[in-house]
Amino acid sequence: MANTFTPAYRKLLETGELAARVCRAYAQLKDCNLCAWRCGVDRTKKVGFCKTGAHAVVSSYFAHLGEEDPLRGWAGSGTIFFAHCNLRCQYCQNYEVSQEGEGLEVQPEGIAAMMLELQARGCHNINFVSPSHVVAQILAGVLIAANAGLRIPLVYNTGGYDSLEALALLDGVIDIYMPDMKYADAATAQKYSKIPDYPAHNVAAVREMHRQVGDLALDAKGIAQRGLLVRHLVLPHDVAGTAAIMRFLAEEISPDTYVNVMGQYRPAWRVAQRNIAPLDRPVRSDEVAEAERIARAAGLHRLDERKARFVFINW
């Protein structure tokens, strides 16, 4: 049987709502509340906390074969990596992109061209990495690409520090939400990622994402079509607070939540440069196994089985 799945944004395109969302997003960019910082900067004139102004910066785009199985399939996830970030994770493995901004500034037409090229290559989806600070620019690109024939699902691959205002703009546009749940404790988040009130914003965002798209749904070949997929990076000495996060997902979101318990942590960037304890060593296999045990004990049963994913970025 042929796949009859229709991405959410196609419906908004037909009604004119997608174009209206673009206008609203750019209006909000002038007093920016498009991530959880809500810095209020007029980003049409200068950069916000995210170090990004009116135009997105893209570091790379390609068919990514290192993502979760339901995303990568056999042809890859059509990944677009945006430079800069609204987090300051002191151990970021891609700090040249997220913190130093390596990449090229692109107009919405350029983002649209990347999407269409990735679709033409056979990618199963378009995967926006670090999108929280460029929601307006992404929506503008999606409008252009959808008018030109884009028809594959959109993945919002985020650090999880997202505003409800931005998620309202994305409702009915994004098919698959893939947020991180990095920390259960606000002080820990402030210390290691330099962000205030991360758990409160993160929990609110994940609730809204699940309300919009529900549990992860796969097609007959195991490819993700719609829903929520959560990533949790295991940190040494349980710095992340795994148990509280897994209980939240199982009890307040859904026991059917698809979770990737990630075992790829190693010291990088400032943690590596300054030997910041207790994150100054790689995570151990027994710590990852314990995190998985905790997730299953909480009632979660859809755990991604593949481990360490190291991202290599090439233009």
Protein backbone atom coordinates (compact mmCIF):
# COMPACT_ATOMS: atom_id res chain seq x y z
CA MET A 1 0.00 0.00 0.00
CA ALA A 2 1.33 3.46 -0.90
CA ASN A 3 2.18 5.87 1.88
CA THR A 4 -0.63 8.41 2.03
CA PHE A 5 0.84 10.46 4.89
CA THR A 6 0.48 14.21 4.39
CA PRO A 7 2.85 16.47 6.37
CA ALA A 8 1.11 18.91 8.65
CA TYR A 9 2.37 22.04 6.88
CA ARG A 10 0.72 21.08 3.58
CA LYS A 11 -2.67 21.68 5.16
CA LEU A 12 -1.65 25.11 6.47
CA LEU A 13 -0.24 25.99 3.05
CA GLU A 14 -3.59 25.31 1.38
CA THR A 15 -5.52 27.54 3.79
CA GLY A 16 -3.02 30.42 3.73
CA GLU A 17 -2.26 29.96 7.42
CA LEU A 18 1.37 29.05 6.75
CA ALA A 19 1.97 32.44 5.15
CA ALA A 20 0.23 34.12 8.08
CA ARG A 21 2.54 32.28 10.51
CA VAL A 22 5.58 33.66 8.69
CA CYS A 23 4.28 37.22 9.10
CA ARG A 24 3.57 36.67 12.79
CA ALA A 25 6.99 35.12 13.37
CA TYR A 26 8.85 38.05 11.82
CA ALA A 27 6.73 40.47 13.85
CA GLN A 28 7.78 38.62 17.01
CA LEU A 29 11.41 38.77 15.85
CA LYS A 30 11.27 42.56 16.41
CA ASP A 31 10.73 42.05 20.15
CA CYS A 32 12.12 38.58 20.24
CA ASN A 33 10.38 35.92 22.30
CA LEU A 34 11.18 33.06 19.95
CA CYS A 35 13.10 31.03 22.51
CA ALA A 36 12.90 30.71 26.28
CA TRP A 37 15.32 33.62 26.80
CA ARG A 38 12.63 36.04 25.50
CA CYS A 39 15.42 38.62 25.27
CA GLY A 40 13.19 41.26 23.66
CA VAL A 41 15.86 42.34 21.18
CA ASP A 42 14.79 43.72 17.79
CA ARG A 43 16.61 41.10 15.77
CA THR A 44 15.83 42.83 12.50
CA LYS A 45 18.40 45.42 13.64
CA LYS A 46 20.87 43.55 15.87
CA VAL A 47 21.64 40.13 17.27
CA GLY A 48 19.98 38.67 20.33
CA PHE A 49 21.39 36.45 23.06
CA CYS A 50 21.61 33.76 20.36
CA LYS A 51 24.12 35.90 18.41
CA THR A 52 21.76 35.77 15.41
CA GLY A 53 19.96 38.64 13.74
CA ALA A 54 17.48 38.69 10.87
CA HIS A 55 19.20 35.96 8.86
CA ALA A 56 19.94 32.37 9.80
CA VAL A 57 23.45 30.96 9.57
CA VAL A 58 23.77 27.38 8.30
CA SER A 59 26.89 25.36 9.01
CA SER A 60 26.02 22.33 6.88
CA TYR A 61 23.27 20.24 5.36
CA PHE A 62 23.38 16.60 4.29
CA ALA A 63 21.67 13.21 4.45
CA HIS A 64 22.47 12.19 8.02
CA LEU A 65 22.84 8.44 8.62
CA GLY A 66 23.73 8.82 12.29
CA GLU A 67 20.34 9.78 13.68
CA GLU A 68 17.81 7.55 15.43
CA ASP A 69 16.63 4.60 13.34
CA PRO A 70 13.09 5.96 12.72
CA LEU A 71 14.59 9.18 11.36
CA ARG A 72 17.56 7.96 9.34
CA GLY A 73 15.93 4.89 7.76
CA TRP A 74 17.99 3.74 4.78
CA ALA A 75 18.30 7.07 2.92
CA GLY A 76 19.14 9.40 5.80
CA SER A 77 17.55 12.28 7.64
CA GLY A 78 17.81 15.52 5.66
CA THR A 79 19.67 17.49 8.28
CA ILE A 80 20.20 21.26 8.28
CA PHE A 81 22.58 22.43 11.02
CA PHE A 82 22.02 26.01 12.14
CA ALA A 83 24.95 27.88 13.65
CA HIS A 84 24.78 29.57 17.03
CA CYS A 85 22.58 28.31 19.83
CA ASN A 86 20.46 29.60 22.68
CA LEU A 87 22.37 27.35 25.10
CA ARG A 88 25.93 27.68 26.36
CA CYS A 89 26.69 24.04 27.20
CA GLN A 90 30.22 24.05 28.59
CA TYR A 91 30.87 20.59 27.14
CA CYS A 92 29.45 21.13 23.63
CA GLN A 93 31.07 18.78 21.13
CA ASN A 94 30.16 21.08 18.24
CA TYR A 95 31.18 24.36 19.86
CA GLU A 96 32.79 25.68 16.66
CA VAL A 97 29.27 25.80 15.22
CA SER A 98 27.07 26.37 18.27
CA GLN A 99 29.27 28.94 20.04
CA GLU A 100 31.65 30.33 17.42
CA GLY A 101 29.08 30.46 14.63
CA GLU A 102 30.91 28.66 11.84
CA GLY A 103 28.74 28.70 8.73
CA LEU A 104 27.25 30.85 6.00
CA GLU A 105 24.42 33.35 6.31
CA VAL A 106 21.44 32.31 4.21
CA GLN A 107 18.16 33.84 3.12
CA PRO A 108 14.88 31.86 3.40
CA GLU A 109 15.21 31.01 -0.30
CA GLY A 110 18.50 29.30 0.50
CA ILE A 111 16.95 27.27 3.33
CA ALA A 112 14.14 26.26 0.98
CA ALA A 113 16.63 25.17 -1.68
CA MET A 114 18.41 22.97 0.86
CA MET A 115 15.14 21.31 1.84
CA LEU A 116 14.18 20.61 -1.73
CA GLU A 117 17.63 19.23 -2.53
CA LEU A 118 17.51 16.89 0.47
CA GLN A 119 14.06 15.71 -0.56
CA ALA A 120 15.35 15.07 -4.07
CA ARG A 121 18.17 12.95 -2.60
CA GLY A 122 15.52 10.69 -1.07
CA CYS A 123 15.80 11.78 2.56
CA HIS A 124 12.92 10.67 4.76
CA ASN A 125 12.48 14.03 6.48
CA ILE A 126 13.92 17.51 6.95
CA ASN A 127 15.73 17.72 10.28
CA PHE A 128 16.29 21.23 11.68
CA VAL A 129 19.14 21.08 14.21
CA SER A 130 19.39 23.90 16.78
CA PRO A 131 16.30 25.66 15.41
CA SER A 132 15.02 27.48 18.50
CA HIS A 133 16.55 30.86 17.65
CA VAL A 134 15.63 30.79 13.93
CA VAL A 135 11.95 29.84 13.99
CA ALA A 136 10.95 32.82 11.83
CA GLN A 137 13.58 32.06 9.21
CA ILE A 138 12.65 28.38 9.15
CA LEU A 139 8.97 29.15 8.69
CA ALA A 140 9.80 31.46 5.78
CA GLY A 141 11.90 28.73 4.18
CA VAL A 142 9.18 26.13 4.68
CA LEU A 143 6.61 28.38 2.98
CA ILE A 144 8.83 28.75 -0.09
CA ALA A 145 9.73 25.06 -0.19
CA ALA A 146 6.15 23.89 0.32
CA ASN A 147 5.00 26.05 -2.57
CA ALA A 148 7.72 24.41 -4.66
CA GLY A 149 6.66 20.86 -3.78
CA LEU A 150 8.18 19.91 -0.40
CA ARG A 151 6.20 16.95 0.94
CA ILE A 152 8.28 15.15 3.57
CA PRO A 153 7.96 15.47 7.38
CA LEU A 154 9.69 18.23 9.32
CA VAL A 155 11.73 17.45 12.43
CA TYR A 156 12.37 20.10 15.13
CA ASN A 157 15.64 18.91 16.73
CA THR A 158 16.11 21.19 19.73
CA GLY A 159 18.07 21.59 22.94
CA GLY A 160 14.72 21.95 24.65
CA TYR A 161 14.95 25.59 25.74
CA ASP A 162 11.95 26.65 23.68
CA SER A 163 9.27 29.27 24.26
CA LEU A 164 5.57 28.52 24.13
CA GLU A 165 5.20 31.52 21.81
CA ALA A 166 7.47 29.86 19.25
CA LEU A 167 5.76 26.50 19.62
CA ALA A 168 2.39 28.16 18.95
CA LEU A 169 3.78 29.34 15.61
CA LEU A 170 4.97 25.81 14.85
CA ASP A 171 1.69 24.07 15.74
CA GLY A 172 0.52 22.29 12.61
CA VAL A 173 3.84 22.93 10.86
CA ILE A 174 6.21 20.54 12.61
CA ASP A 175 5.49 16.83 12.28
CA ILE A 176 8.15 15.42 14.61
CA TYR A 177 9.48 17.14 17.72
CA MET A 178 12.84 15.91 19.02
CA PRO A 179 13.75 17.89 22.16
CA ASP A 180 16.56 17.25 24.57
CA MET A 181 15.71 16.90 28.21
CA LYS A 182 19.11 17.81 29.59
CA TYR A 183 18.67 18.52 33.28
CA ALA A 184 16.21 17.95 36.11
CA ASP A 185 17.76 20.66 38.28
CA ALA A 186 17.79 24.39 37.53
CA ALA A 187 21.05 25.14 39.35
CA THR A 188 22.82 22.39 37.42
CA ALA A 189 21.53 23.77 34.13
CA GLN A 190 22.73 27.24 35.07
CA LYS A 191 26.16 25.92 35.99
CA TYR A 192 26.82 23.78 32.95
CA SER A 193 24.70 25.39 30.21
CA LYS A 194 24.41 28.99 31.50
CA ILE A 195 20.62 29.08 31.17
CA PRO A 196 18.07 30.07 33.83
CA ASP A 197 15.09 27.92 34.81
CA TYR A 198 15.81 25.23 32.22
CA PRO A 199 13.66 22.46 33.76
CA ALA A 200 10.54 24.63 33.99
CA HIS A 201 10.82 25.84 30.38
CA ASN A 202 11.83 22.37 29.16
CA VAL A 203 8.94 20.58 30.84
CA ALA A 204 6.43 23.15 29.55
CA ALA A 205 7.82 22.84 26.02
CA VAL A 206 7.74 19.03 26.01
CA ARG A 207 4.14 19.07 27.25
CA GLU A 208 3.15 21.39 24.41
CA MET A 209 5.07 19.40 21.81
CA HIS A 210 3.29 16.20 22.86
CA ARG A 211 -0.06 17.97 22.86
CA GLN A 212 0.55 18.98 19.26
CA VAL A 213 1.85 15.71 17.80
CA GLY A 214 1.30 12.87 20.31
CA ASP A 215 3.42 9.76 20.63
CA LEU A 216 5.83 8.87 17.83
CA ALA A 217 4.02 7.14 14.96
CA LEU A 218 5.90 5.03 12.40
CA ASP A 219 4.92 3.85 8.94
CA ALA A 220 4.96 0.21 7.85
CA LYS A 221 8.71 0.41 7.20
CA GLY A 222 9.53 1.87 10.60
CA ILE A 223 10.06 5.46 9.45
CA ALA A 224 8.82 8.23 11.75
CA GLN A 225 5.87 10.19 10.40
CA ARG A 226 4.63 12.23 13.34
CA GLY A 227 5.08 12.51 17.08
CA LEU A 228 7.49 13.15 19.94
CA LEU A 229 10.98 11.69 20.30
CA VAL A 230 12.98 12.72 23.40
CA ARG A 231 16.75 12.67 23.77
CA HIS A 232 18.47 12.47 27.15
CA LEU A 233 22.25 12.71 27.39
CA VAL A 234 23.62 10.69 30.30
CA LEU A 235 26.25 12.68 32.20
CA PRO A 236 28.90 11.35 34.60
CA HIS A 237 27.83 10.95 38.23
CA ASP A 238 24.17 11.37 37.22
CA VAL A 239 24.62 15.12 36.91
CA ALA A 240 21.62 15.26 34.55
CA GLY A 241 19.14 13.82 37.07
CA THR A 242 17.92 10.96 34.90
CA ALA A 243 15.35 9.47 37.28
CA ALA A 244 13.27 12.65 37.60
CA ILE A 245 13.23 13.16 33.84
CA MET A 246 12.15 9.58 33.13
CA ARG A 247 9.40 9.72 35.75
CA PHE A 248 8.09 12.93 34.19
CA LEU A 249 7.99 11.37 30.72
CA ALA A 250 6.34 8.14 31.86
CA GLU A 251 3.82 9.67 34.27
CA GLU A 252 3.04 13.09 32.80
CA ILE A 253 3.63 12.68 29.06
CA SER A 254 3.14 9.04 28.06
CA PRO A 255 4.68 5.63 28.81
CA ASP A 256 4.76 5.25 25.01
CA THR A 257 7.21 8.15 24.66
CA TYR A 258 10.11 7.20 22.36
CA VAL A 259 13.32 7.97 24.28
CA ASN A 260 16.94 7.94 23.19
CA VAL A 261 19.13 7.47 26.27
CA MET A 262 22.37 8.79 24.83
CA GLY A 263 25.73 7.42 25.89
CA GLN A 264 28.01 9.66 23.84
CA TYR A 265 29.20 12.14 26.46
CA ARG A 266 32.88 13.00 26.53
CA PRO A 267 34.60 16.17 27.80
CA ALA A 268 34.80 18.89 25.16
CA TRP A 269 35.14 22.66 24.81
CA ARG A 270 35.50 24.46 28.16
CA VAL A 271 35.04 21.34 30.29
CA ALA A 272 37.98 19.76 28.46
CA GLN A 273 40.04 22.96 28.44
CA ARG A 274 39.58 23.60 32.16
CA ASN A 275 39.15 20.03 33.47
CA ILE A 276 35.84 20.96 35.08
CA ALA A 277 34.81 18.26 37.54
CA PRO A 278 32.72 16.14 37.71
CA LEU A 279 32.26 16.27 33.91
CA ASP A 280 35.97 15.84 33.20
CA ARG A 281 35.70 12.22 32.09
CA PRO A 282 33.60 10.31 29.54
CA VAL A 283 30.40 8.69 30.73
CA ARG A 284 30.89 5.01 31.62
CA SER A 285 28.95 2.15 30.06
CA ASP A 286 27.59 1.13 33.46
CA GLU A 287 26.19 4.65 33.94
CA VAL A 288 24.40 4.45 30.60
CA ALA A 289 23.06 0.98 31.43
CA GLU A 290 21.78 2.30 34.75
CA ALA A 291 20.05 5.20 33.02
CA GLU A 292 18.32 2.75 30.68
CA ARG A 293 17.29 0.60 33.65
CA ILE A 294 15.84 3.69 35.33
CA ALA A 295 13.88 4.57 32.19
CA ARG A 296 12.39 1.08 31.94
CA ALA A 297 11.62 0.99 35.66
CA ALA A 298 9.73 4.27 35.27
CA GLY A 299 7.51 2.57 32.70
CA LEU A 300 9.09 3.70 29.43
CA HIS A 301 9.44 0.88 26.92
CA ARG A 302 10.32 2.56 23.61
CA LEU A 303 14.06 3.11 24.03
CA ASP A 304 16.34 3.69 21.07
CA GLU A 305 18.82 0.83 21.04
CA ARG A 306 21.75 2.42 19.22
CA LYS A 307 24.39 4.17 21.27
CA ALA A 308 26.98 6.91 20.88
CA ARG A 309 26.24 9.27 18.02
CA PHE A 310 29.05 11.65 17.25
CA VAL A 311 28.13 14.42 14.85
CA PHE A 312 30.58 15.22 12.08
CA ILE A 313 29.70 18.40 10.23
CA ASN A 314 30.79 18.93 6.65
CA TRP A 315 29.54 21.59 4.27
